[in-house]
Amino acid sequence: MTKVTAQMSVSVDGFYTGPRAADEVTGWMQGPEAPGFFRVTRWAVDAAAWRERQGFAGGERSVDSDVVEEMFASAGAYVMGRRMFDAGELPWGDEPPFHAPVFVVTHRPREVLERRGGTSFTFVTDGVERAVELARDAAGGKDVAVAGGGELLRQVLAAGLLEQLELHIAPVLLGEGQRLFGPGLGLGADDGIELVPARVVESPGVTHIRYTVTGRSKLVLDDRGAGGELVGPSQAEQRSAL
């Protein structure tokens, strides 16, 4: 059954890339985003499965490589943001690593771009919901993978479309940059998006945590033994211990 999934590498302090450039004149690789991005994704760059998809030799056969291989095998279609496409179009070359249809959420229309290896880029100008819908139809029963960047992932999550999230937490502190989560989710003071841990895979360079996304929910306080007065869980435990 098709699920909408997402994968993102982040630092321990929650950044997925360095600070965004004040202007877009400088190429992405020469800007302030790239160093932070490569720090949190070096586990993937070192993995044999990732390098094979990029057409490079070498790499390590490891649990990290297995995670990458699983990621590509499960995806039947992708959704990505326009900034990610613009940054990747030239480096990906004539045979991008996706080998599946990719739907690019954008405000700038463009003709469908066909590449070798089964990758095509369709530019969707009527919103993230429409892009996900088209990707579901094209996925052939496999998953729809949200390929990034972080801004698009937040849109998918805020819209209630994401069903599975896998974070690859790199053991590094960036201190500044672009945070994966924040005010863009549109959550209220007592509103939250619940995640249920489904799998943890550890390696020396990264910890992979997979979550099932159960959706938005209100905070439910614990009123056991409080005579009807709502208290937080820690307060309830303290009272029960007395």
Protein backbone atom coordinates (compact mmCIF):
# COMPACT_ATOMS: atom_id res chain seq x y z
CA MET A 1 0.00 0.00 0.00
CA THR A 2 1.33 3.40 -1.00
CA LYS A 3 2.54 5.61 1.86
CA VAL A 4 3.81 9.18 1.78
CA THR A 5 7.25 9.06 3.38
CA ALA A 6 10.13 11.44 3.99
CA GLN A 7 13.81 11.10 4.85
CA MET A 8 15.98 13.90 6.19
CA SER A 9 19.48 14.12 7.62
CA VAL A 10 19.77 16.53 10.54
CA SER A 11 22.30 17.59 13.14
CA VAL A 12 21.74 16.87 16.83
CA ASP A 13 20.61 20.50 17.23
CA GLY A 14 18.05 20.12 14.46
CA PHE A 15 19.59 21.74 11.36
CA TYR A 16 19.50 20.11 7.93
CA THR A 17 21.76 22.62 6.22
CA GLY A 18 23.74 25.77 6.92
CA PRO A 19 22.27 29.29 6.85
CA ARG A 20 20.47 30.35 3.72
CA ALA A 21 22.32 32.88 1.58
CA ALA A 22 21.07 36.47 1.68
CA ASP A 23 20.87 36.36 -2.13
CA GLU A 24 20.73 33.62 -4.73
CA VAL A 25 23.52 35.00 -6.92
CA THR A 26 26.26 32.83 -5.46
CA GLY A 27 26.03 29.19 -6.49
CA TRP A 28 24.66 26.86 -3.83
CA MET A 29 27.92 24.96 -3.50
CA GLN A 30 29.81 28.20 -2.80
CA GLY A 31 27.22 29.55 -0.36
CA PRO A 32 26.78 29.13 3.41
CA GLU A 33 24.30 26.24 3.14
CA ALA A 34 26.67 23.65 1.71
CA PRO A 35 29.10 23.05 4.64
CA GLY A 36 26.30 22.23 7.08
CA PHE A 37 24.51 20.09 4.50
CA PHE A 38 27.59 17.98 3.81
CA ARG A 39 28.30 17.54 7.51
CA VAL A 40 24.89 15.98 8.14
CA THR A 41 24.84 13.89 4.94
CA ARG A 42 28.41 12.54 4.85
CA TRP A 43 27.12 9.18 6.15
CA ALA A 44 25.20 8.83 2.87
CA VAL A 45 28.05 10.06 0.67
CA ASP A 46 30.25 7.32 2.14
CA ALA A 47 27.64 4.59 1.51
CA ALA A 48 28.18 2.29 -1.47
CA ALA A 49 24.49 2.26 -2.39
CA TRP A 50 24.40 6.06 -2.60
CA ARG A 51 27.57 6.26 -4.66
CA GLU A 52 26.30 3.64 -7.09
CA ARG A 53 23.14 5.66 -7.67
CA GLN A 54 25.27 8.72 -8.40
CA GLY A 55 27.47 6.78 -10.79
CA PHE A 56 30.53 6.86 -8.51
CA ALA A 57 32.83 4.03 -7.54
CA GLY A 58 33.82 3.01 -4.03
CA GLY A 59 31.90 3.48 -0.81
CA GLU A 60 31.29 1.28 2.19
CA ARG A 61 29.00 -1.74 2.40
CA SER A 62 27.45 -1.08 5.77
CA VAL A 63 24.17 -0.70 7.62
CA ASP A 64 24.07 2.87 6.30
CA SER A 65 24.36 1.57 2.75
CA ASP A 66 21.51 -0.86 3.47
CA VAL A 67 19.34 2.06 4.64
CA VAL A 68 20.06 3.97 1.42
CA GLU A 69 19.32 0.92 -0.71
CA GLU A 70 16.03 0.37 1.11
CA MET A 71 15.12 4.04 0.64
CA PHE A 72 15.51 3.90 -3.13
CA ALA A 73 13.85 0.48 -3.46
CA SER A 74 10.69 1.55 -1.62
CA ALA A 75 10.03 4.71 -3.64
CA GLY A 76 7.85 4.57 -6.73
CA ALA A 77 7.64 8.36 -7.17
CA TYR A 78 9.08 11.48 -5.56
CA VAL A 79 7.93 14.98 -4.62
CA MET A 80 10.47 17.78 -4.22
CA GLY A 81 10.70 21.57 -3.98
CA ARG A 82 11.90 23.82 -6.76
CA ARG A 83 15.00 25.02 -4.89
CA MET A 84 16.16 21.43 -4.50
CA PHE A 85 15.58 20.75 -8.18
CA ASP A 86 17.42 23.91 -9.23
CA ALA A 87 20.39 23.00 -7.02
CA GLY A 88 20.51 19.42 -8.29
CA GLU A 89 19.68 19.68 -11.99
CA LEU A 90 23.26 20.11 -13.20
CA PRO A 91 25.04 17.85 -10.65
CA TRP A 92 22.55 15.02 -11.30
CA GLY A 93 23.41 15.08 -15.00
CA ASP A 94 21.62 13.07 -17.68
CA GLU A 95 20.83 10.14 -15.37
CA PRO A 96 19.62 11.42 -11.96
CA PRO A 97 19.60 8.93 -9.06
CA PHE A 98 15.81 8.68 -8.69
CA HIS A 99 14.93 6.28 -11.55
CA ALA A 100 11.26 7.17 -11.06
CA PRO A 101 8.86 10.06 -11.76
CA VAL A 102 9.59 13.22 -9.75
CA PHE A 103 6.98 15.94 -9.18
CA VAL A 104 8.45 19.37 -8.49
CA VAL A 105 6.30 21.84 -6.52
CA THR A 106 6.84 25.27 -8.06
CA HIS A 107 5.32 28.60 -9.04
CA ARG A 108 7.28 28.62 -12.31
CA PRO A 109 5.86 26.38 -15.04
CA ARG A 110 8.16 24.30 -17.21
CA GLU A 111 7.74 21.44 -19.66
CA VAL A 112 8.22 17.89 -18.40
CA LEU A 113 11.92 17.04 -18.34
CA GLU A 114 12.78 13.47 -19.32
CA ARG A 115 16.07 11.95 -18.22
CA ARG A 116 17.74 8.58 -18.65
CA GLY A 117 17.18 5.72 -16.23
CA GLY A 118 13.44 6.27 -15.83
CA THR A 119 13.61 9.69 -14.15
CA SER A 120 11.22 12.41 -15.28
CA PHE A 121 10.57 15.82 -13.70
CA THR A 122 7.00 17.15 -13.83
CA PHE A 123 6.54 20.73 -12.62
CA VAL A 124 3.36 21.15 -10.58
CA THR A 125 2.08 24.71 -10.13
CA ASP A 126 -1.15 24.05 -8.21
CA GLY A 127 0.18 23.11 -4.80
CA VAL A 128 1.76 20.37 -2.73
CA GLU A 129 -1.50 18.43 -2.37
CA ARG A 130 -1.79 18.11 -6.15
CA ALA A 131 1.86 17.06 -6.45
CA VAL A 132 1.35 14.30 -3.87
CA GLU A 133 -1.82 13.18 -5.64
CA LEU A 134 0.00 12.90 -8.97
CA ALA A 135 2.89 11.06 -7.32
CA ARG A 136 0.48 8.54 -5.74
CA ASP A 137 -0.98 7.80 -9.16
CA ALA A 138 2.50 7.33 -10.63
CA ALA A 139 4.02 5.29 -7.79
CA GLY A 140 2.69 1.91 -8.96
CA GLY A 141 1.85 0.77 -5.44
CA LYS A 142 5.23 1.80 -4.01
CA ASP A 143 5.76 4.74 -1.67
CA VAL A 144 5.71 8.44 -2.49
CA ALA A 145 8.98 9.85 -1.12
CA VAL A 146 9.26 13.52 -0.20
CA ALA A 147 12.79 14.22 -1.39
CA GLY A 148 13.13 17.68 0.15
CA GLY A 149 14.07 20.24 0.88
CA GLY A 150 13.08 21.06 4.41
CA GLU A 151 10.58 23.76 3.47
CA LEU A 152 8.61 21.35 1.29
CA LEU A 153 8.72 18.66 3.98
CA ARG A 154 7.20 21.10 6.46
CA GLN A 155 4.41 21.87 3.98
CA VAL A 156 3.63 18.18 3.53
CA LEU A 157 3.66 17.60 7.28
CA ALA A 158 1.50 20.66 8.03
CA ALA A 159 -1.02 19.55 5.41
CA GLY A 160 -1.43 16.19 7.17
CA LEU A 161 -0.14 14.26 4.15
CA LEU A 162 2.96 12.62 5.68
CA GLU A 163 2.59 9.07 7.00
CA GLN A 164 6.18 8.08 7.75
CA LEU A 165 9.23 10.14 8.68
CA GLU A 166 12.79 8.88 8.95
CA LEU A 167 15.39 11.13 10.54
CA HIS A 168 19.08 10.43 10.05
CA ILE A 169 20.65 12.15 13.05
CA ALA A 170 24.33 12.95 12.52
CA PRO A 171 26.53 13.37 15.64
CA VAL A 172 27.37 17.00 14.96
CA LEU A 173 26.27 20.40 16.30
CA LEU A 174 25.99 23.11 13.64
CA GLY A 175 24.94 25.94 15.93
CA GLU A 176 23.14 27.78 13.14
CA GLY A 177 21.45 27.07 9.86
CA GLN A 178 18.03 26.05 8.62
CA ARG A 179 15.99 24.09 11.14
CA LEU A 180 13.87 21.25 9.91
CA PHE A 181 11.00 21.96 12.32
CA GLY A 182 9.64 25.21 13.65
CA PRO A 183 6.83 27.75 13.35
CA GLY A 184 6.11 26.76 9.75
CA LEU A 185 4.06 23.80 10.98
CA GLY A 186 1.30 26.11 12.21
CA LEU A 187 0.82 24.39 15.56
CA GLY A 188 -1.04 26.03 18.43
CA ALA A 189 -0.08 26.22 22.11
CA ASP A 190 -1.76 22.90 22.97
CA ASP A 191 -1.56 21.31 19.53
CA GLY A 192 1.08 18.81 18.42
CA ILE A 193 1.90 16.28 15.70
CA GLU A 194 2.38 12.90 17.30
CA LEU A 195 5.18 10.59 16.10
CA VAL A 196 5.42 6.92 17.06
CA PRO A 197 8.93 5.41 16.89
CA ALA A 198 8.83 2.39 14.58
CA ARG A 199 12.52 1.54 14.11
CA VAL A 200 15.97 2.60 15.31
CA VAL A 201 19.12 1.65 13.40
CA GLU A 202 22.48 2.75 14.77
CA SER A 203 25.89 3.09 13.16
CA PRO A 204 29.05 4.96 14.20
CA GLY A 205 28.28 7.91 11.92
CA VAL A 206 24.52 8.33 12.23
CA THR A 207 21.38 7.14 14.01
CA HIS A 208 18.40 6.33 11.79
CA ILE A 209 15.04 6.75 13.54
CA ARG A 210 11.83 5.91 11.71
CA TYR A 211 8.53 7.33 12.94
CA THR A 212 4.92 6.67 12.04
CA VAL A 213 3.13 10.02 11.82
CA THR A 214 -0.21 9.76 13.59
CA GLY A 215 -1.32 13.34 12.97
CA ARG A 216 -2.32 16.35 15.01
CA SER A 217 -3.69 15.93 18.49
CA LYS A 218 -4.54 18.08 21.49
CA LEU A 219 -2.66 17.74 24.76
CA VAL A 220 -4.45 15.38 27.15
CA LEU A 221 -3.44 15.92 30.76
CA ASP A 222 -3.46 13.24 33.45
CA ASP A 223 -6.21 13.71 36.05
CA ARG A 224 -5.86 10.37 37.85
CA GLY A 225 -6.18 10.78 41.62
CA ALA A 226 -6.35 14.54 41.37
CA GLY A 227 -10.00 14.96 42.36
CA GLY A 228 -10.89 16.30 38.94
CA GLU A 229 -8.01 18.79 38.83
CA LEU A 230 -5.97 18.37 35.66
CA VAL A 231 -2.25 17.98 36.30
CA GLY A 232 0.76 17.11 34.22
CA PRO A 233 2.07 13.53 34.24
CA SER A 234 5.07 14.36 36.45
CA GLN A 235 2.82 16.01 39.05
CA ALA A 236 0.49 13.02 39.06
CA GLU A 237 3.41 10.66 39.61
CA GLN A 238 4.68 12.79 42.48
CA ARG A 239 1.28 12.78 44.18
CA SER A 240 0.85 9.02 43.77
CA ALA A 241 4.23 8.50 45.44
CA LEU A 242 3.18 10.39 48.57
